Amino acid sequence: MLNSNGKRLYSTVFSDEMGRSLNPPHKKVKVDDPPNDIRLNCWAGISYQRVTSLHLYKESLRTDRYQGILEEHKDELDKLNPGGYFFQHDKLKVIKVLKIG
């Protein structure tokens, strides 16, 4: 992005995911441990002017699940920059996405 004097920033969609454990703290209140870890995972994309909707999921983010999330939100991603955009997830390599048709 530095090579384009920051102009690339305006046509880049940034994507990230996070997970948060929802187990209660064990410091002040005596609580029975749940049978499984209770966890909330979410994904979203953001660009200079717009954001995608938030995608919530239970399981860990594997490649097939991530591809499914991107397919489900493809229309939203395309609307962020209708002429095409650069796609960046976390610290992975930037991918240029061209809108065709």
PDB file of N, CA and C in Angstrom:
ATOM      1  N   MET A   1       0.813  -1.187   0.000  1.00  0.00           N
ATOM      2  CA  MET A   1       0.000   0.000   0.000  1.00  0.00           C
ATOM      3  C   MET A   1       0.861   1.256   0.000  1.00  0.00           C
ATOM      4  N   LEU A   2       2.018   1.167   0.612  1.00  0.00           N
ATOM      5  CA  LEU A   2       2.902   2.329   0.641  1.00  0.00           C
ATOM      6  C   LEU A   2       3.394   2.680  -0.753  1.00  0.00           C
ATOM      7  N   ASN A   3       3.549   1.674  -1.627  1.00  0.00           N
ATOM      8  CA  ASN A   3       4.010   1.928  -2.989  1.00  0.00           C
ATOM      9  C   ASN A   3       2.994   2.706  -3.811  1.00  0.00           C
ATOM     10  N   SER A   4       1.732   2.704  -3.415  1.00  0.00           N
ATOM     11  CA  SER A   4       0.691   3.422  -4.165  1.00  0.00           C
ATOM     12  C   SER A   4       0.334   4.747  -3.501  1.00  0.00           C
ATOM     13  N   ASN A   5       1.200   5.258  -2.636  1.00  0.00           N
ATOM     14  CA  ASN A   5       0.952   6.512  -1.903  1.00  0.00           C
ATOM     15  C   ASN A   5      -0.359   6.486  -1.129  1.00  0.00           C
ATOM     16  N   GLY A   6      -0.749   5.324  -0.654  1.00  0.00           N
ATOM     17  CA  GLY A   6      -1.957   5.195   0.156  1.00  0.00           C
ATOM     18  C   GLY A   6      -3.238   5.054  -0.629  1.00  0.00           C
ATOM     19  N   LYS A   7      -3.197   5.203  -1.966  1.00  0.00           N
ATOM     20  CA  LYS A   7      -4.420   5.124  -2.775  1.00  0.00           C
ATOM     21  C   LYS A   7      -5.046   3.732  -2.725  1.00  0.00           C
ATOM     22  N   ARG A   8      -4.220   2.715  -2.572  1.00  0.00           N
ATOM     23  CA  ARG A   8      -4.719   1.348  -2.532  1.00  0.00           C
ATOM     24  C   ARG A   8      -5.611   1.110  -1.309  1.00  0.00           C
ATOM     25  N   LEU A   9      -5.401   1.881  -0.278  1.00  0.00           N
ATOM     26  CA  LEU A   9      -6.199   1.764   0.941  1.00  0.00           C
ATOM     27  C   LEU A   9      -7.681   1.958   0.651  1.00  0.00           C
ATOM     28  N   TYR A  10      -8.011   2.855  -0.275  1.00  0.00           N
ATOM     29  CA  TYR A  10      -9.408   3.163  -0.576  1.00  0.00           C
ATOM     30  C   TYR A  10     -10.121   2.033  -1.309  1.00  0.00           C
ATOM     31  N   SER A  11      -9.369   1.087  -1.871  1.00  0.00           N
ATOM     32  CA  SER A  11     -10.008  -0.017  -2.592  1.00  0.00           C
ATOM     33  C   SER A  11      -9.600  -1.369  -2.011  1.00  0.00           C
ATOM     34  N   THR A  12      -9.340  -1.411  -0.718  1.00  0.00           N
ATOM     35  CA  THR A  12      -8.972  -2.654  -0.054  1.00  0.00           C
ATOM     36  C   THR A  12     -10.040  -3.040   0.957  1.00  0.00           C
ATOM     37  N   VAL A  13     -10.409  -4.314   0.970  1.00  0.00           N
ATOM     38  CA  VAL A  13     -11.330  -4.864   1.961  1.00  0.00           C
ATOM     39  C   VAL A  13     -10.479  -5.670   2.948  1.00  0.00           C
ATOM     40  N   PHE A  14     -10.558  -5.328   4.209  1.00  0.00           N
ATOM     41  CA  PHE A  14      -9.830  -6.030   5.252  1.00  0.00           C
ATOM     42  C   PHE A  14     -10.779  -7.015   5.924  1.00  0.00           C
ATOM     43  N   SER A  15     -10.300  -8.210   6.169  1.00  0.00           N
ATOM     44  CA  SER A  15     -11.112  -9.276   6.741  1.00  0.00           C
ATOM     45  C   SER A  15     -10.406  -9.822   7.977  1.00  0.00           C
ATOM     46  N   ASP A  16     -11.185 -10.167   8.984  1.00  0.00           N
ATOM     47  CA  ASP A  16     -10.596 -10.756  10.181  1.00  0.00           C
ATOM     48  C   ASP A  16     -11.647 -11.584  10.897  1.00  0.00           C
ATOM     49  N   GLU A  17     -11.184 -12.468  11.755  1.00  0.00           N
ATOM     50  CA  GLU A  17     -12.075 -13.282  12.572  1.00  0.00           C
ATOM     51  C   GLU A  17     -11.552 -13.264  13.998  1.00  0.00           C
ATOM     52  N   MET A  18     -12.416 -13.611  14.921  1.00  0.00           N
ATOM     53  CA  MET A  18     -12.005 -13.680  16.320  1.00  0.00           C
ATOM     54  C   MET A  18     -12.887 -14.681  17.041  1.00  0.00           C
ATOM     55  N   GLY A  19     -12.408 -15.162  18.132  1.00  0.00           N
ATOM     56  CA  GLY A  19     -13.192 -16.051  18.974  1.00  0.00           C
ATOM     57  C   GLY A  19     -13.116 -15.572  20.407  1.00  0.00           C
ATOM     58  N   ARG A  20     -14.172 -15.783  21.136  1.00  0.00           N
ATOM     59  CA  ARG A  20     -14.215 -15.335  22.525  1.00  0.00           C
ATOM     60  C   ARG A  20     -14.849 -16.428  23.360  1.00  0.00           C
ATOM     61  N   SER A  21     -14.156 -16.855  24.386  1.00  0.00           N
ATOM     62  CA  SER A  21     -14.697 -17.853  25.297  1.00  0.00           C
ATOM     63  C   SER A  21     -15.745 -17.192  26.181  1.00  0.00           C
ATOM     64  N   LEU A  22     -16.867 -17.849  26.322  1.00  0.00           N
ATOM     65  CA  LEU A  22     -17.968 -17.294  27.122  1.00  0.00           C
ATOM     66  C   LEU A  22     -18.090 -17.968  28.478  1.00  0.00           C
ATOM     67  N   ASN A  23     -17.102 -18.776  28.846  1.00  0.00           N
ATOM     68  CA  ASN A  23     -17.140 -19.416  30.166  1.00  0.00           C
ATOM     69  C   ASN A  23     -17.054 -18.354  31.250  1.00  0.00           C
ATOM     70  N   PRO A  24     -17.833 -18.511  32.316  1.00  0.00           N
ATOM     71  CA  PRO A  24     -17.807 -17.506  33.384  1.00  0.00           C
ATOM     72  C   PRO A  24     -16.483 -17.551  34.152  1.00  0.00           C
ATOM     73  N   PRO A  25     -16.078 -16.438  34.726  1.00  0.00           N
ATOM     74  CA  PRO A  25     -14.849 -16.446  35.531  1.00  0.00           C
ATOM     75  C   PRO A  25     -15.066 -17.269  36.801  1.00  0.00           C
ATOM     76  N   HIS A  26     -13.997 -17.846  37.328  1.00  0.00           N
ATOM     77  CA  HIS A  26     -14.102 -18.706  38.503  1.00  0.00           C
ATOM     78  C   HIS A  26     -13.562 -18.024  39.754  1.00  0.00           C
ATOM     79  N   LYS A  27     -13.404 -16.732  39.743  1.00  0.00           N
ATOM     80  CA  LYS A  27     -12.772 -16.051  40.867  1.00  0.00           C
ATOM     81  C   LYS A  27     -13.731 -15.758  42.012  1.00  0.00           C
ATOM     82  N   LYS A  28     -14.870 -15.126  41.741  1.00  0.00           N
ATOM     83  CA  LYS A  28     -15.739 -14.657  42.805  1.00  0.00           C
ATOM     84  C   LYS A  28     -16.931 -15.565  43.064  1.00  0.00           C
ATOM     85  N   VAL A  29     -17.377 -16.291  42.036  1.00  0.00           N
ATOM     86  CA  VAL A  29     -18.587 -17.095  42.163  1.00  0.00           C
ATOM     87  C   VAL A  29     -18.246 -18.549  41.895  1.00  0.00           C
ATOM     88  N   LYS A  30     -18.740 -19.415  42.732  1.00  0.00           N
ATOM     89  CA  LYS A  30     -18.543 -20.851  42.515  1.00  0.00           C
ATOM     90  C   LYS A  30     -19.492 -21.298  41.417  1.00  0.00           C
ATOM     91  N   VAL A  31     -18.921 -21.788  40.322  1.00  0.00           N
ATOM     92  CA  VAL A  31     -19.711 -22.198  39.162  1.00  0.00           C
ATOM     93  C   VAL A  31     -19.224 -23.573  38.716  1.00  0.00           C
ATOM     94  N   ASP A  32     -20.162 -24.461  38.424  1.00  0.00           N
ATOM     95  CA  ASP A  32     -19.772 -25.758  37.871  1.00  0.00           C
ATOM     96  C   ASP A  32     -19.233 -25.542  36.466  1.00  0.00           C
ATOM     97  N   ASP A  33     -18.177 -26.256  36.129  1.00  0.00           N
ATOM     98  CA  ASP A  33     -17.618 -26.154  34.792  1.00  0.00           C
ATOM     99  C   ASP A  33     -18.604 -26.691  33.775  1.00  0.00           C
ATOM    100  N   PRO A  34     -18.789 -25.982  32.651  1.00  0.00           N
ATOM    101  CA  PRO A  34     -19.664 -26.503  31.599  1.00  0.00           C
ATOM    102  C   PRO A  34     -19.016 -27.734  30.970  1.00  0.00           C
ATOM    103  N   PRO A  35     -19.812 -28.625  30.375  1.00  0.00           N
ATOM    104  CA  PRO A  35     -19.257 -29.841  29.786  1.00  0.00           C
ATOM    105  C   PRO A  35     -18.279 -29.545  28.642  1.00  0.00           C
ATOM    106  N   ASN A  36     -18.497 -28.481  27.922  1.00  0.00           N
ATOM    107  CA  ASN A  36     -17.628 -28.083  26.808  1.00  0.00           C
ATOM    108  C   ASN A  36     -17.343 -26.590  26.905  1.00  0.00           C
ATOM    109  N   ASP A  37     -16.275 -26.175  26.276  1.00  0.00           N
ATOM    110  CA  ASP A  37     -15.960 -24.758  26.211  1.00  0.00           C
ATOM    111  C   ASP A  37     -17.051 -24.047  25.406  1.00  0.00           C
ATOM    112  N   ILE A  38     -17.612 -23.005  25.961  1.00  0.00           N
ATOM    113  CA  ILE A  38     -18.621 -22.212  25.264  1.00  0.00           C
ATOM    114  C   ILE A  38     -17.873 -21.079  24.580  1.00  0.00           C
ATOM    115  N   ARG A  39     -17.999 -20.999  23.263  1.00  0.00           N
ATOM    116  CA  ARG A  39     -17.197 -20.058  22.499  1.00  0.00           C
ATOM    117  C   ARG A  39     -18.039 -19.405  21.412  1.00  0.00           C
ATOM    118  N   LEU A  40     -17.800 -18.134  21.182  1.00  0.00           N
ATOM    119  CA  LEU A  40     -18.448 -17.387  20.107  1.00  0.00           C
ATOM    120  C   LEU A  40     -17.371 -16.962  19.124  1.00  0.00           C
ATOM    121  N   ASN A  41     -17.545 -17.311  17.852  1.00  0.00           N
ATOM    122  CA  ASN A  41     -16.610 -16.922  16.799  1.00  0.00           C
ATOM    123  C   ASN A  41     -17.338 -16.014  15.819  1.00  0.00           C
ATOM    124  N   CYS A  42     -16.631 -15.054  15.282  1.00  0.00           N
ATOM    125  CA  CYS A  42     -17.254 -14.168  14.308  1.00  0.00           C
ATOM    126  C   CYS A  42     -16.247 -13.729  13.259  1.00  0.00           C
ATOM    127  N   TRP A  43     -16.773 -13.324  12.098  1.00  0.00           N
ATOM    128  CA  TRP A  43     -15.975 -12.836  10.972  1.00  0.00           C
ATOM    129  C   TRP A  43     -16.673 -11.608  10.410  1.00  0.00           C
ATOM    130  N   ALA A  44     -15.887 -10.669   9.875  1.00  0.00           N
ATOM    131  CA  ALA A  44     -16.451  -9.517   9.167  1.00  0.00           C
ATOM    132  C   ALA A  44     -15.390  -8.932   8.248  1.00  0.00           C
ATOM    133  N   GLY A  45     -15.851  -8.135   7.298  1.00  0.00           N
ATOM    134  CA  GLY A  45     -14.970  -7.415   6.395  1.00  0.00           C
ATOM    135  C   GLY A  45     -15.267  -5.931   6.508  1.00  0.00           C
ATOM    136  N   ILE A  46     -14.249  -5.104   6.286  1.00  0.00           N
ATOM    137  CA  ILE A  46     -14.415  -3.654   6.370  1.00  0.00           C
ATOM    138  C   ILE A  46     -13.577  -2.993   5.283  1.00  0.00           C
ATOM    139  N   SER A  47     -14.116  -1.926   4.697  1.00  0.00           N
ATOM    140  CA  SER A  47     -13.367  -1.150   3.714  1.00  0.00           C
ATOM    141  C   SER A  47     -13.406   0.312   4.139  1.00  0.00           C
ATOM    142  N   TYR A  48     -12.878   1.178   3.306  1.00  0.00           N
ATOM    143  CA  TYR A  48     -12.798   2.606   3.620  1.00  0.00           C
ATOM    144  C   TYR A  48     -14.174   3.206   3.906  1.00  0.00           C
ATOM    145  N   GLN A  49     -15.205   2.774   3.164  1.00  0.00           N
ATOM    146  CA  GLN A  49     -16.525   3.397   3.302  1.00  0.00           C
ATOM    147  C   GLN A  49     -17.611   2.509   3.877  1.00  0.00           C
ATOM    148  N   ARG A  50     -17.433   1.200   3.848  1.00  0.00           N
ATOM    149  CA  ARG A  50     -18.524   0.301   4.242  1.00  0.00           C
ATOM    150  C   ARG A  50     -17.995  -0.906   5.002  1.00  0.00           C
ATOM    151  N   VAL A  51     -18.939  -1.693   5.570  1.00  0.00           N
ATOM    152  CA  VAL A  51     -18.604  -2.940   6.246  1.00  0.00           C
ATOM    153  C   VAL A  51     -19.576  -4.030   5.792  1.00  0.00           C
ATOM    154  N   THR A  52     -19.169  -5.273   5.988  1.00  0.00           N
ATOM    155  CA  THR A  52     -20.078  -6.396   5.738  1.00  0.00           C
ATOM    156  C   THR A  52     -20.879  -6.649   7.010  1.00  0.00           C
ATOM    157  N   SER A  53     -21.861  -7.519   6.900  1.00  0.00           N
ATOM    158  CA  SER A  53     -22.562  -7.943   8.104  1.00  0.00           C
ATOM    159  C   SER A  53     -21.644  -8.882   8.891  1.00  0.00           C
ATOM    160  N   LEU A  54     -21.935  -9.049  10.146  1.00  0.00           N
ATOM    161  CA  LEU A  54     -21.146  -9.902  11.022  1.00  0.00           C
ATOM    162  C   LEU A  54     -21.603 -11.345  10.849  1.00  0.00           C
ATOM    163  N   HIS A  55     -20.667 -12.259  10.683  1.00  0.00           N
ATOM    164  CA  HIS A  55     -20.979 -13.675  10.515  1.00  0.00           C
ATOM    165  C   HIS A  55     -20.575 -14.408  11.791  1.00  0.00           C
ATOM    166  N   LEU A  56     -21.525 -15.047  12.456  1.00  0.00           N
ATOM    167  CA  LEU A  56     -21.259 -15.800  13.683  1.00  0.00           C
ATOM    168  C   LEU A  56     -21.237 -17.289  13.370  1.00  0.00           C
ATOM    169  N   TYR A  57     -20.322 -18.013  14.002  1.00  0.00           N
ATOM    170  CA  TYR A  57     -20.232 -19.460  13.799  1.00  0.00           C
ATOM    171  C   TYR A  57     -19.678 -20.108  15.057  1.00  0.00           C
ATOM    172  N   LYS A  58     -19.955 -21.409  15.223  1.00  0.00           N
ATOM    173  CA  LYS A  58     -19.550 -22.131  16.432  1.00  0.00           C
ATOM    174  C   LYS A  58     -18.188 -22.808  16.285  1.00  0.00           C
ATOM    175  N   GLU A  59     -17.977 -23.494  15.185  1.00  0.00           N
ATOM    176  CA  GLU A  59     -16.788 -24.319  15.029  1.00  0.00           C
ATOM    177  C   GLU A  59     -15.562 -23.465  14.716  1.00  0.00           C
ATOM    178  N   SER A  60     -14.384 -24.087  14.781  1.00  0.00           N
ATOM    179  CA  SER A  60     -13.167 -23.360  14.437  1.00  0.00           C
ATOM    180  C   SER A  60     -13.155 -23.055  12.939  1.00  0.00           C
ATOM    181  N   LEU A  61     -12.384 -22.066  12.558  1.00  0.00           N
ATOM    182  CA  LEU A  61     -12.366 -21.593  11.169  1.00  0.00           C
ATOM    183  C   LEU A  61     -11.359 -22.418  10.358  1.00  0.00           C
ATOM    184  N   ARG A  62     -11.886 -23.412   9.650  1.00  0.00           N
ATOM    185  CA  ARG A  62     -11.060 -24.209   8.742  1.00  0.00           C
ATOM    186  C   ARG A  62     -11.209 -23.618   7.341  1.00  0.00           C
ATOM    187  N   THR A  63     -10.375 -24.066   6.419  1.00  0.00           N
ATOM    188  CA  THR A  63     -10.384 -23.533   5.056  1.00  0.00           C
ATOM    189  C   THR A  63     -11.751 -23.654   4.407  1.00  0.00           C
ATOM    190  N   ASP A  64     -12.388 -24.818   4.488  1.00  0.00           N
ATOM    191  CA  ASP A  64     -13.688 -24.996   3.839  1.00  0.00           C
ATOM    192  C   ASP A  64     -14.753 -24.095   4.456  1.00  0.00           C
ATOM    193  N   ARG A  65     -14.719 -23.922   5.755  1.00  0.00           N
ATOM    194  CA  ARG A  65     -15.682 -23.044   6.423  1.00  0.00           C
ATOM    195  C   ARG A  65     -15.443 -21.586   6.009  1.00  0.00           C
ATOM    196  N   TYR A  66     -14.178 -21.180   5.943  1.00  0.00           N
ATOM    197  CA  TYR A  66     -13.841 -19.805   5.552  1.00  0.00           C
ATOM    198  C   TYR A  66     -14.280 -19.533   4.114  1.00  0.00           C
ATOM    199  N   GLN A  67     -14.063 -20.492   3.224  1.00  0.00           N
ATOM    200  CA  GLN A  67     -14.516 -20.332   1.843  1.00  0.00           C
ATOM    201  C   GLN A  67     -16.036 -20.188   1.785  1.00  0.00           C
ATOM    202  N   GLY A  68     -16.740 -20.963   2.602  1.00  0.00           N
ATOM    203  CA  GLY A  68     -18.202 -20.858   2.656  1.00  0.00           C
ATOM    204  C   GLY A  68     -18.667 -19.496   3.153  1.00  0.00           C
ATOM    205  N   ILE A  69     -17.971 -18.960   4.150  1.00  0.00           N
ATOM    206  CA  ILE A  69     -18.314 -17.624   4.673  1.00  0.00           C
ATOM    207  C   ILE A  69     -18.120 -16.585   3.586  1.00  0.00           C
ATOM    208  N   LEU A  70     -16.985 -16.658   2.882  1.00  0.00           N
ATOM    209  CA  LEU A  70     -16.723 -15.692   1.813  1.00  0.00           C
ATOM    210  C   LEU A  70     -17.747 -15.800   0.693  1.00  0.00           C
ATOM    211  N   GLU A  71     -18.134 -17.028   0.337  1.00  0.00           N
ATOM    212  CA  GLU A  71     -19.165 -17.209  -0.686  1.00  0.00           C
ATOM    213  C   GLU A  71     -20.494 -16.626  -0.227  1.00  0.00           C
ATOM    214  N   GLU A  72     -20.832 -16.834   1.036  1.00  0.00           N
ATOM    215  CA  GLU A  72     -22.094 -16.314   1.577  1.00  0.00           C
ATOM    216  C   GLU A  72     -22.126 -14.780   1.571  1.00  0.00           C
ATOM    217  N   HIS A  73     -20.979 -14.156   1.730  1.00  0.00           N
ATOM    218  CA  HIS A  73     -20.908 -12.697   1.804  1.00  0.00           C
ATOM    219  C   HIS A  73     -20.350 -12.066   0.530  1.00  0.00           C
ATOM    220  N   LYS A  74     -20.275 -12.838  -0.569  1.00  0.00           N
ATOM    221  CA  LYS A  74     -19.682 -12.345  -1.814  1.00  0.00           C
ATOM    222  C   LYS A  74     -20.385 -11.094  -2.333  1.00  0.00           C
ATOM    223  N   ASP A  75     -21.708 -11.080  -2.323  1.00  0.00           N
ATOM    224  CA  ASP A  75     -22.433  -9.896  -2.810  1.00  0.00           C
ATOM    225  C   ASP A  75     -22.081  -8.662  -1.987  1.00  0.00           C
ATOM    226  N   GLU A  76     -22.014  -8.823  -0.675  1.00  0.00           N
ATOM    227  CA  GLU A  76     -21.637  -7.703   0.194  1.00  0.00           C
ATOM    228  C   GLU A  76     -20.211  -7.236  -0.110  1.00  0.00           C
ATOM    229  N   LEU A  77     -19.294  -8.189  -0.274  1.00  0.00           N
ATOM    230  CA  LEU A  77     -17.904  -7.838  -0.573  1.00  0.00           C
ATOM    231  C   LEU A  77     -17.805  -7.101  -1.900  1.00  0.00           C
ATOM    232  N   ASP A  78     -18.550  -7.560  -2.910  1.00  0.00           N
ATOM    233  CA  ASP A  78     -18.530  -6.901  -4.215  1.00  0.00           C
ATOM    234  C   ASP A  78     -19.099  -5.488  -4.150  1.00  0.00           C
ATOM    235  N   LYS A  79     -20.084  -5.265  -3.277  1.00  0.00           N
ATOM    236  CA  LYS A  79     -20.683  -3.932  -3.145  1.00  0.00           C
ATOM    237  C   LYS A  79     -19.763  -2.943  -2.430  1.00  0.00           C
ATOM    238  N   LEU A  80     -18.799  -3.451  -1.658  1.00  0.00           N
ATOM    239  CA  LEU A  80     -17.876  -2.545  -0.967  1.00  0.00           C
ATOM    240  C   LEU A  80     -17.083  -1.720  -1.967  1.00  0.00           C
ATOM    241  N   ASN A  81     -16.664  -2.309  -3.065  1.00  0.00           N
ATOM    242  CA  ASN A  81     -15.941  -1.629  -4.137  1.00  0.00           C
ATOM    243  C   ASN A  81     -16.341  -2.276  -5.458  1.00  0.00           C
ATOM    244  N   PRO A  82     -17.397  -1.762  -6.102  1.00  0.00           N
ATOM    245  CA  PRO A  82     -17.962  -2.412  -7.282  1.00  0.00           C
ATOM    246  C   PRO A  82     -16.994  -2.607  -8.447  1.00  0.00           C
ATOM    247  N   GLY A  83     -15.962  -1.797  -8.573  1.00  0.00           N
ATOM    248  CA  GLY A  83     -15.035  -1.917  -9.690  1.00  0.00           C
ATOM    249  C   GLY A  83     -13.943  -2.939  -9.478  1.00  0.00           C
ATOM    250  N   GLY A  84     -13.940  -3.619  -8.364  1.00  0.00           N
ATOM    251  CA  GLY A  84     -12.869  -4.550  -8.016  1.00  0.00           C
ATOM    252  C   GLY A  84     -12.174  -4.039  -6.760  1.00  0.00           C
ATOM    253  N   TYR A  85     -11.471  -4.906  -6.094  1.00  0.00           N
ATOM    254  CA  TYR A  85     -10.855  -4.516  -4.826  1.00  0.00           C
ATOM    255  C   TYR A  85      -9.698  -5.432  -4.483  1.00  0.00           C
ATOM    256  N   PHE A  86      -8.910  -5.010  -3.536  1.00  0.00           N
ATOM    257  CA  PHE A  86      -7.868  -5.832  -2.953  1.00  0.00           C
ATOM    258  C   PHE A  86      -8.448  -6.444  -1.688  1.00  0.00           C
ATOM    259  N   PHE A  87      -8.158  -7.709  -1.452  1.00  0.00           N
ATOM    260  CA  PHE A  87      -8.701  -8.408  -0.287  1.00  0.00           C
ATOM    261  C   PHE A  87      -7.547  -8.801   0.622  1.00  0.00           C
ATOM    262  N   GLN A  88      -7.645  -8.425   1.886  1.00  0.00           N
ATOM    263  CA  GLN A  88      -6.586  -8.733   2.852  1.00  0.00           C
ATOM    264  C   GLN A  88      -7.204  -9.363   4.086  1.00  0.00           C
ATOM    265  N   HIS A  89      -6.787 -10.579   4.407  1.00  0.00           N
ATOM    266  CA  HIS A  89      -7.227 -11.226   5.640  1.00  0.00           C
ATOM    267  C   HIS A  89      -6.054 -11.276   6.599  1.00  0.00           C
ATOM    268  N   ASP A  90      -6.235 -10.712   7.776  1.00  0.00           N
ATOM    269  CA  ASP A  90      -5.171 -10.662   8.779  1.00  0.00           C
ATOM    270  C   ASP A  90      -3.877 -10.175   8.144  1.00  0.00           C
ATOM    271  N   LYS A  91      -2.823 -10.965   8.312  1.00  0.00           N
ATOM    272  CA  LYS A  91      -1.515 -10.584   7.783  1.00  0.00           C
ATOM    273  C   LYS A  91      -1.156 -11.396   6.541  1.00  0.00           C
ATOM    274  N   LEU A  92      -2.152 -12.039   5.923  1.00  0.00           N
ATOM    275  CA  LEU A  92      -1.887 -12.838   4.740  1.00  0.00           C
ATOM    276  C   LEU A  92      -1.656 -11.948   3.530  1.00  0.00           C
ATOM    277  N   LYS A  93      -1.168 -12.522   2.463  1.00  0.00           N
ATOM    278  CA  LYS A  93      -0.884 -11.796   1.233  1.00  0.00           C
ATOM    279  C   LYS A  93      -2.167 -11.172   0.675  1.00  0.00           C
ATOM    280  N   VAL A  94      -2.046  -9.959   0.140  1.00  0.00           N
ATOM    281  CA  VAL A  94      -3.176  -9.255  -0.457  1.00  0.00           C
ATOM    282  C   VAL A  94      -3.528  -9.913  -1.785  1.00  0.00           C
ATOM    283  N   ILE A  95      -4.833 -10.105  -2.019  1.00  0.00           N
ATOM    284  CA  ILE A  95      -5.323 -10.685  -3.266  1.00  0.00           C
ATOM    285  C   ILE A  95      -6.140  -9.633  -3.988  1.00  0.00           C
ATOM    286  N   LYS A  96      -5.885  -9.434  -5.283  1.00  0.00           N
ATOM    287  CA  LYS A  96      -6.693  -8.497  -6.067  1.00  0.00           C
ATOM    288  C   LYS A  96      -7.904  -9.221  -6.622  1.00  0.00           C
ATOM    289  N   VAL A  97      -9.093  -8.687  -6.377  1.00  0.00           N
ATOM    290  CA  VAL A  97     -10.344  -9.270  -6.839  1.00  0.00           C
ATOM    291  C   VAL A  97     -10.939  -8.334  -7.870  1.00  0.00           C
ATOM    292  N   LEU A  98     -11.129  -8.822  -9.084  1.00  0.00           N
ATOM    293  CA  LEU A  98     -11.708  -7.999 -10.143  1.00  0.00           C
ATOM    294  C   LEU A  98     -13.175  -8.366 -10.316  1.00  0.00           C
ATOM    295  N   LYS A  99     -14.002  -7.348 -10.415  1.00  0.00           N
ATOM    296  CA  LYS A  99     -15.432  -7.576 -10.641  1.00  0.00           C
ATOM    297  C   LYS A  99     -15.615  -7.771 -12.137  1.00  0.00           C
ATOM    298  N   ILE A 100     -16.151  -8.909 -12.527  1.00  0.00           N
ATOM    299  CA  ILE A 100     -16.351  -9.220 -13.934  1.00  0.00           C
ATOM    300  C   ILE A 100     -17.835  -9.267 -14.213  1.00  0.00           C
ATOM    301  N   GLY A 101     -18.252  -8.545 -15.247  1.00  0.00           N
ATOM    302  CA  GLY A 101     -19.656  -8.569 -15.656  1.00  0.00           C
ATOM    303  C   GLY A 101     -20.407  -7.669 -14.863  1.00  0.00           C
TER     304      GLY A 101
END
